[in-house]
Amino acid sequence: MKTSIDRIRGKIAELGAKIADLRIAERELEALDAAPAPRTRSKVKAKRKSPADVATIAPQTVGAAITDV
């Protein structure tokens, strides 16, 4: 049968193992934070149409579309 002191020593050993695991996780997180963030590609911006281009592309009515055909 384990004595109280043996159980306490067992718990201390378990806590020591948990502390070691947490220190490893901490180092890994610090390494990730220190690494530069991956660069993302910028989105291609849509080309704006000039007012002259917009004027030439006027909305077509149904009747005008039928007469064009």
PDB file of N, CA and C in Angstrom:
ATOM      1  N   MET A   1       0.847  -1.174   0.000  1.00  0.00           N
ATOM      2  CA  MET A   1       0.000   0.000   0.000  1.00  0.00           C
ATOM      3  C   MET A   1       0.893   1.238   0.000  1.00  0.00           C
ATOM      4  N   LYS A   2       0.477   2.194  -0.824  1.00  0.00           N
ATOM      5  CA  LYS A   2       1.257   3.421  -0.931  1.00  0.00           C
ATOM      6  C   LYS A   2       0.995   4.314   0.276  1.00  0.00           C
ATOM      7  N   THR A   3       2.036   4.909   0.689  1.00  0.00           N
ATOM      8  CA  THR A   3       1.879   5.867   1.781  1.00  0.00           C
ATOM      9  C   THR A   3       1.561   7.236   1.201  1.00  0.00           C
ATOM     10  N   SER A   4       1.181   8.121   2.033  1.00  0.00           N
ATOM     11  CA  SER A   4       0.837   9.475   1.593  1.00  0.00           C
ATOM     12  C   SER A   4       2.011  10.144   0.895  1.00  0.00           C
ATOM     13  N   ILE A   5       3.203   9.922   1.412  1.00  0.00           N
ATOM     14  CA  ILE A   5       4.380  10.559   0.821  1.00  0.00           C
ATOM     15  C   ILE A   5       4.636  10.014  -0.579  1.00  0.00           C
ATOM     16  N   ASP A   6       4.353   8.728  -0.805  1.00  0.00           N
ATOM     17  CA  ASP A   6       4.523   8.133  -2.138  1.00  0.00           C
ATOM     18  C   ASP A   6       3.521   8.722  -3.133  1.00  0.00           C
ATOM     19  N   ARG A   7       2.286   8.911  -2.660  1.00  0.00           N
ATOM     20  CA  ARG A   7       1.267   9.520  -3.536  1.00  0.00           C
ATOM     21  C   ARG A   7       1.631  10.954  -3.871  1.00  0.00           C
ATOM     22  N   ILE A   8       2.134  11.676  -2.931  1.00  0.00           N
ATOM     23  CA  ILE A   8       2.554  13.061  -3.164  1.00  0.00           C
ATOM     24  C   ILE A   8       3.703  13.099  -4.166  1.00  0.00           C
ATOM     25  N   ARG A   9       4.664  12.204  -4.016  1.00  0.00           N
ATOM     26  CA  ARG A   9       5.789  12.153  -4.964  1.00  0.00           C
ATOM     27  C   ARG A   9       5.306  11.792  -6.363  1.00  0.00           C
ATOM     28  N   GLY A  10       4.312  10.901  -6.444  1.00  0.00           N
ATOM     29  CA  GLY A  10       3.740  10.547  -7.751  1.00  0.00           C
ATOM     30  C   GLY A  10       3.075  11.747  -8.417  1.00  0.00           C
ATOM     31  N   LYS A  11       2.328  12.504  -7.628  1.00  0.00           N
ATOM     32  CA  LYS A  11       1.660  13.708  -8.160  1.00  0.00           C
ATOM     33  C   LYS A  11       2.692  14.739  -8.607  1.00  0.00           C
ATOM     34  N   ILE A  12       3.752  14.878  -7.839  1.00  0.00           N
ATOM     35  CA  ILE A  12       4.814  15.825  -8.214  1.00  0.00           C
ATOM     36  C   ILE A  12       5.437  15.409  -9.540  1.00  0.00           C
ATOM     37  N   ALA A  13       5.648  14.112  -9.725  1.00  0.00           N
ATOM     38  CA  ALA A  13       6.216  13.616 -10.981  1.00  0.00           C
ATOM     39  C   ALA A  13       5.268  13.888 -12.145  1.00  0.00           C
ATOM     40  N   GLU A  14       3.962  13.679 -11.949  1.00  0.00           N
ATOM     41  CA  GLU A  14       2.968  13.957 -12.989  1.00  0.00           C
ATOM     42  C   GLU A  14       2.967  15.445 -13.348  1.00  0.00           C
ATOM     43  N   LEU A  15       3.002  16.280 -12.327  1.00  0.00           N
ATOM     44  CA  LEU A  15       3.012  17.730 -12.579  1.00  0.00           C
ATOM     45  C   LEU A  15       4.285  18.153 -13.306  1.00  0.00           C
ATOM     46  N   GLY A  16       5.410  17.533 -12.956  1.00  0.00           N
ATOM     47  CA  GLY A  16       6.665  17.837 -13.651  1.00  0.00           C
ATOM     48  C   GLY A  16       6.583  17.489 -15.129  1.00  0.00           C
ATOM     49  N   ALA A  17       5.942  16.363 -15.454  1.00  0.00           N
ATOM     50  CA  ALA A  17       5.773  15.961 -16.853  1.00  0.00           C
ATOM     51  C   ALA A  17       4.858  16.947 -17.587  1.00  0.00           C
ATOM     52  N   LYS A  18       3.785  17.391 -16.932  1.00  0.00           N
ATOM     53  CA  LYS A  18       2.878  18.366 -17.545  1.00  0.00           C
ATOM     54  C   LYS A  18       3.589  19.686 -17.791  1.00  0.00           C
ATOM     55  N   ILE A  19       4.417  20.105 -16.846  1.00  0.00           N
ATOM     56  CA  ILE A  19       5.165  21.357 -17.006  1.00  0.00           C
ATOM     57  C   ILE A  19       6.105  21.251 -18.205  1.00  0.00           C
ATOM     58  N   ALA A  20       6.760  20.113 -18.361  1.00  0.00           N
ATOM     59  CA  ALA A  20       7.672  19.915 -19.492  1.00  0.00           C
ATOM     60  C   ALA A  20       6.915  19.996 -20.811  1.00  0.00           C
ATOM     61  N   ASP A  21       5.730  19.370 -20.872  1.00  0.00           N
ATOM     62  CA  ASP A  21       4.913  19.429 -22.088  1.00  0.00           C
ATOM     63  C   ASP A  21       4.476  20.860 -22.397  1.00  0.00           C
ATOM     64  N   LEU A  22       4.104  21.595 -21.359  1.00  0.00           N
ATOM     65  CA  LEU A  22       3.680  22.980 -21.566  1.00  0.00           C
ATOM     66  C   LEU A  22       4.837  23.856 -22.038  1.00  0.00           C
ATOM     67  N   ARG A  23       6.030  23.597 -21.547  1.00  0.00           N
ATOM     68  CA  ARG A  23       7.190  24.371 -21.989  1.00  0.00           C
ATOM     69  C   ARG A  23       7.486  24.100 -23.456  1.00  0.00           C
ATOM     70  N   ILE A  24       7.330  22.853 -23.881  1.00  0.00           N
ATOM     71  CA  ILE A  24       7.529  22.519 -25.296  1.00  0.00           C
ATOM     72  C   ILE A  24       6.498  23.249 -26.149  1.00  0.00           C
ATOM     73  N   ALA A  25       5.245  23.224 -25.725  1.00  0.00           N
ATOM     74  CA  ALA A  25       4.183  23.908 -26.467  1.00  0.00           C
ATOM     75  C   ALA A  25       4.440  25.410 -26.519  1.00  0.00           C
ATOM     76  N   GLU A  26       4.939  25.967 -25.411  1.00  0.00           N
ATOM     77  CA  GLU A  26       5.240  27.395 -25.375  1.00  0.00           C
ATOM     78  C   GLU A  26       6.334  27.740 -26.383  1.00  0.00           C
ATOM     79  N   ARG A  27       7.385  26.938 -26.457  1.00  0.00           N
ATOM     80  CA  ARG A  27       8.463  27.193 -27.417  1.00  0.00           C
ATOM     81  C   ARG A  27       7.961  27.107 -28.847  1.00  0.00           C
ATOM     82  N   GLU A  28       7.092  26.132 -29.117  1.00  0.00           N
ATOM     83  CA  GLU A  28       6.543  26.003 -30.463  1.00  0.00           C
ATOM     84  C   GLU A  28       5.704  27.224 -30.834  1.00  0.00           C
ATOM     85  N   LEU A  29       4.890  27.694 -29.904  1.00  0.00           N
ATOM     86  CA  LEU A  29       4.069  28.881 -30.173  1.00  0.00           C
ATOM     87  C   LEU A  29       4.928  30.122 -30.378  1.00  0.00           C
ATOM     88  N   GLU A  30       5.974  30.260 -29.584  1.00  0.00           N
ATOM     89  CA  GLU A  30       6.867  31.408 -29.762  1.00  0.00           C
ATOM     90  C   GLU A  30       7.554  31.351 -31.118  1.00  0.00           C
ATOM     91  N   ALA A  31       7.919  30.156 -31.565  1.00  0.00           N
ATOM     92  CA  ALA A  31       8.554  30.011 -32.874  1.00  0.00           C
ATOM     93  C   ALA A  31       7.581  30.399 -33.975  1.00  0.00           C
ATOM     94  N   LEU A  32       6.318  30.036 -33.816  1.00  0.00           N
ATOM     95  CA  LEU A  32       5.319  30.394 -34.826  1.00  0.00           C
ATOM     96  C   LEU A  32       5.070  31.898 -34.837  1.00  0.00           C
ATOM     97  N   ASP A  33       5.041  32.513 -33.668  1.00  0.00           N
ATOM     98  CA  ASP A  33       4.816  33.955 -33.589  1.00  0.00           C
ATOM     99  C   ASP A  33       6.003  34.731 -34.148  1.00  0.00           C
ATOM    100  N   ALA A  34       7.210  34.205 -33.972  1.00  0.00           N
ATOM    101  CA  ALA A  34       8.406  34.897 -34.444  1.00  0.00           C
ATOM    102  C   ALA A  34       8.564  34.783 -35.956  1.00  0.00           C
ATOM    103  N   ALA A  35       8.029  33.735 -36.544  1.00  0.00           N
ATOM    104  CA  ALA A  35       8.145  33.551 -37.995  1.00  0.00           C
ATOM    105  C   ALA A  35       7.303  34.611 -38.700  1.00  0.00           C
ATOM    106  N   PRO A  36       7.802  35.123 -39.827  1.00  0.00           N
ATOM    107  CA  PRO A  36       7.011  36.121 -40.552  1.00  0.00           C
ATOM    108  C   PRO A  36       5.737  35.484 -41.100  1.00  0.00           C
ATOM    109  N   ALA A  37       4.704  36.266 -41.121  1.00  0.00           N
ATOM    110  CA  ALA A  37       3.428  35.773 -41.625  1.00  0.00           C
ATOM    111  C   ALA A  37       3.549  35.501 -43.121  1.00  0.00           C
ATOM    112  N   PRO A  38       2.901  34.437 -43.605  1.00  0.00           N
ATOM    113  CA  PRO A  38       2.983  34.152 -45.040  1.00  0.00           C
ATOM    114  C   PRO A  38       2.339  35.280 -45.831  1.00  0.00           C
ATOM    115  N   ARG A  39       2.997  35.629 -46.908  1.00  0.00           N
ATOM    116  CA  ARG A  39       2.464  36.709 -47.743  1.00  0.00           C
ATOM    117  C   ARG A  39       1.347  36.158 -48.608  1.00  0.00           C
ATOM    118  N   THR A  40       0.272  36.870 -48.635  1.00  0.00           N
ATOM    119  CA  THR A  40      -0.840  36.467 -49.479  1.00  0.00           C
ATOM    120  C   THR A  40      -0.820  37.308 -50.733  1.00  0.00           C
ATOM    121  N   ARG A  41      -1.291  36.731 -51.762  1.00  0.00           N
ATOM    122  CA  ARG A  41      -1.346  37.479 -53.021  1.00  0.00           C
ATOM    123  C   ARG A  41      -2.477  38.500 -52.946  1.00  0.00           C
ATOM    124  N   SER A  42      -2.198  39.673 -53.462  1.00  0.00           N
ATOM    125  CA  SER A  42      -3.238  40.696 -53.447  1.00  0.00           C
ATOM    126  C   SER A  42      -4.267  40.368 -54.520  1.00  0.00           C
ATOM    127  N   LYS A  43      -5.480  40.723 -54.248  1.00  0.00           N
ATOM    128  CA  LYS A  43      -6.548  40.457 -55.201  1.00  0.00           C
ATOM    129  C   LYS A  43      -6.398  41.383 -56.398  1.00  0.00           C
ATOM    130  N   VAL A  44      -6.723  40.857 -57.543  1.00  0.00           N
ATOM    131  CA  VAL A  44      -6.652  41.655 -58.755  1.00  0.00           C
ATOM    132  C   VAL A  44      -7.796  42.659 -58.720  1.00  0.00           C
ATOM    133  N   LYS A  45      -7.445  43.897 -58.904  1.00  0.00           N
ATOM    134  CA  LYS A  45      -8.468  44.941 -58.866  1.00  0.00           C
ATOM    135  C   LYS A  45      -9.134  45.046 -60.232  1.00  0.00           C
ATOM    136  N   ALA A  46     -10.432  45.236 -60.216  1.00  0.00           N
ATOM    137  CA  ALA A  46     -11.184  45.384 -61.452  1.00  0.00           C
ATOM    138  C   ALA A  46     -10.855  46.738 -62.073  1.00  0.00           C
ATOM    139  N   LYS A  47     -10.744  46.717 -63.376  1.00  0.00           N
ATOM    140  CA  LYS A  47     -10.434  47.955 -64.085  1.00  0.00           C
ATOM    141  C   LYS A  47     -11.714  48.783 -64.206  1.00  0.00           C
ATOM    142  N   ARG A  48     -11.633  50.024 -63.802  1.00  0.00           N
ATOM    143  CA  ARG A  48     -12.799  50.895 -63.897  1.00  0.00           C
ATOM    144  C   ARG A  48     -12.967  51.374 -65.324  1.00  0.00           C
ATOM    145  N   LYS A  49     -14.201  51.439 -65.741  1.00  0.00           N
ATOM    146  CA  LYS A  49     -14.492  51.928 -67.084  1.00  0.00           C
ATOM    147  C   LYS A  49     -14.555  53.452 -67.052  1.00  0.00           C
ATOM    148  N   SER A  50     -14.033  54.018 -68.087  1.00  0.00           N
ATOM    149  CA  SER A  50     -14.075  55.472 -68.176  1.00  0.00           C
ATOM    150  C   SER A  50     -15.501  55.902 -68.529  1.00  0.00           C
ATOM    151  N   PRO A  51     -15.845  57.161 -68.253  1.00  0.00           N
ATOM    152  CA  PRO A  51     -17.201  57.633 -68.571  1.00  0.00           C
ATOM    153  C   PRO A  51     -17.522  57.511 -70.057  1.00  0.00           C
ATOM    154  N   ALA A  52     -16.538  57.624 -70.930  1.00  0.00           N
ATOM    155  CA  ALA A  52     -16.787  57.494 -72.365  1.00  0.00           C
ATOM    156  C   ALA A  52     -17.197  56.069 -72.705  1.00  0.00           C
ATOM    157  N   ASP A  53     -16.564  55.077 -72.054  1.00  0.00           N
ATOM    158  CA  ASP A  53     -16.914  53.682 -72.301  1.00  0.00           C
ATOM    159  C   ASP A  53     -18.320  53.374 -71.799  1.00  0.00           C
ATOM    160  N   VAL A  54     -18.693  53.950 -70.678  1.00  0.00           N
ATOM    161  CA  VAL A  54     -20.010  53.717 -70.114  1.00  0.00           C
ATOM    162  C   VAL A  54     -21.082  54.313 -71.016  1.00  0.00           C
ATOM    163  N   ALA A  55     -20.798  55.451 -71.623  1.00  0.00           N
ATOM    164  CA  ALA A  55     -21.780  56.106 -72.493  1.00  0.00           C
ATOM    165  C   ALA A  55     -22.025  55.281 -73.751  1.00  0.00           C
ATOM    166  N   THR A  56     -21.004  54.615 -74.267  1.00  0.00           N
ATOM    167  CA  THR A  56     -21.186  53.822 -75.488  1.00  0.00           C
ATOM    168  C   THR A  56     -21.921  52.522 -75.200  1.00  0.00           C
ATOM    169  N   ILE A  57     -21.878  52.032 -73.963  1.00  0.00           N
ATOM    170  CA  ILE A  57     -22.559  50.793 -73.595  1.00  0.00           C
ATOM    171  C   ILE A  57     -23.815  51.166 -72.818  1.00  0.00           C
ATOM    172  N   ALA A  58     -24.774  51.752 -73.506  1.00  0.00           N
ATOM    173  CA  ALA A  58     -26.023  52.151 -72.863  1.00  0.00           C
ATOM    174  C   ALA A  58     -26.930  50.935 -72.775  1.00  0.00           C
ATOM    175  N   PRO A  59     -27.753  50.858 -71.753  1.00  0.00           N
ATOM    176  CA  PRO A  59     -28.670  49.733 -71.653  1.00  0.00           C
ATOM    177  C   PRO A  59     -29.614  49.729 -72.848  1.00  0.00           C
ATOM    178  N   GLN A  60     -29.832  48.554 -73.370  1.00  0.00           N
ATOM    179  CA  GLN A  60     -30.634  48.421 -74.582  1.00  0.00           C
ATOM    180  C   GLN A  60     -32.053  48.011 -74.216  1.00  0.00           C
ATOM    181  N   THR A  61     -33.019  48.620 -74.864  1.00  0.00           N
ATOM    182  CA  THR A  61     -34.401  48.265 -74.601  1.00  0.00           C
ATOM    183  C   THR A  61     -34.744  47.009 -75.378  1.00  0.00           C
ATOM    184  N   VAL A  62     -35.849  46.388 -75.022  1.00  0.00           N
ATOM    185  CA  VAL A  62     -36.276  45.159 -75.685  1.00  0.00           C
ATOM    186  C   VAL A  62     -36.567  45.427 -77.149  1.00  0.00           C
ATOM    187  N   GLY A  63     -37.237  46.538 -77.402  1.00  0.00           N
ATOM    188  CA  GLY A  63     -37.574  46.881 -78.791  1.00  0.00           C
ATOM    189  C   GLY A  63     -36.333  47.108 -79.625  1.00  0.00           C
ATOM    190  N   ALA A  64     -35.319  47.791 -79.081  1.00  0.00           N
ATOM    191  CA  ALA A  64     -34.087  48.048 -79.820  1.00  0.00           C
ATOM    192  C   ALA A  64     -33.335  46.746 -80.079  1.00  0.00           C
ATOM    193  N   ALA A  65     -33.368  45.825 -79.127  1.00  0.00           N
ATOM    194  CA  ALA A  65     -32.703  44.545 -79.311  1.00  0.00           C
ATOM    195  C   ALA A  65     -33.386  43.744 -80.421  1.00  0.00           C
ATOM    196  N   ILE A  66     -34.731  43.821 -80.491  1.00  0.00           N
ATOM    197  CA  ILE A  66     -35.465  43.083 -81.537  1.00  0.00           C
ATOM    198  C   ILE A  66     -35.171  43.673 -82.896  1.00  0.00           C
ATOM    199  N   THR A  67     -35.115  44.990 -83.000  1.00  0.00           N
ATOM    200  CA  THR A  67     -34.835  45.604 -84.296  1.00  0.00           C
ATOM    201  C   THR A  67     -33.401  45.345 -84.736  1.00  0.00           C
ATOM    202  N   ASP A  68     -32.467  45.214 -83.806  1.00  0.00           N
ATOM    203  CA  ASP A  68     -31.084  44.899 -84.173  1.00  0.00           C
ATOM    204  C   ASP A  68     -30.970  43.499 -84.745  1.00  0.00           C
ATOM    205  N   VAL A  69     -31.775  42.592 -84.238  1.00  0.00           N
ATOM    206  CA  VAL A  69     -31.711  41.195 -84.704  1.00  0.00           C
ATOM    207  C   VAL A  69     -32.356  41.110 -86.041  1.00  0.00           C
TER     208      VAL A  69
END
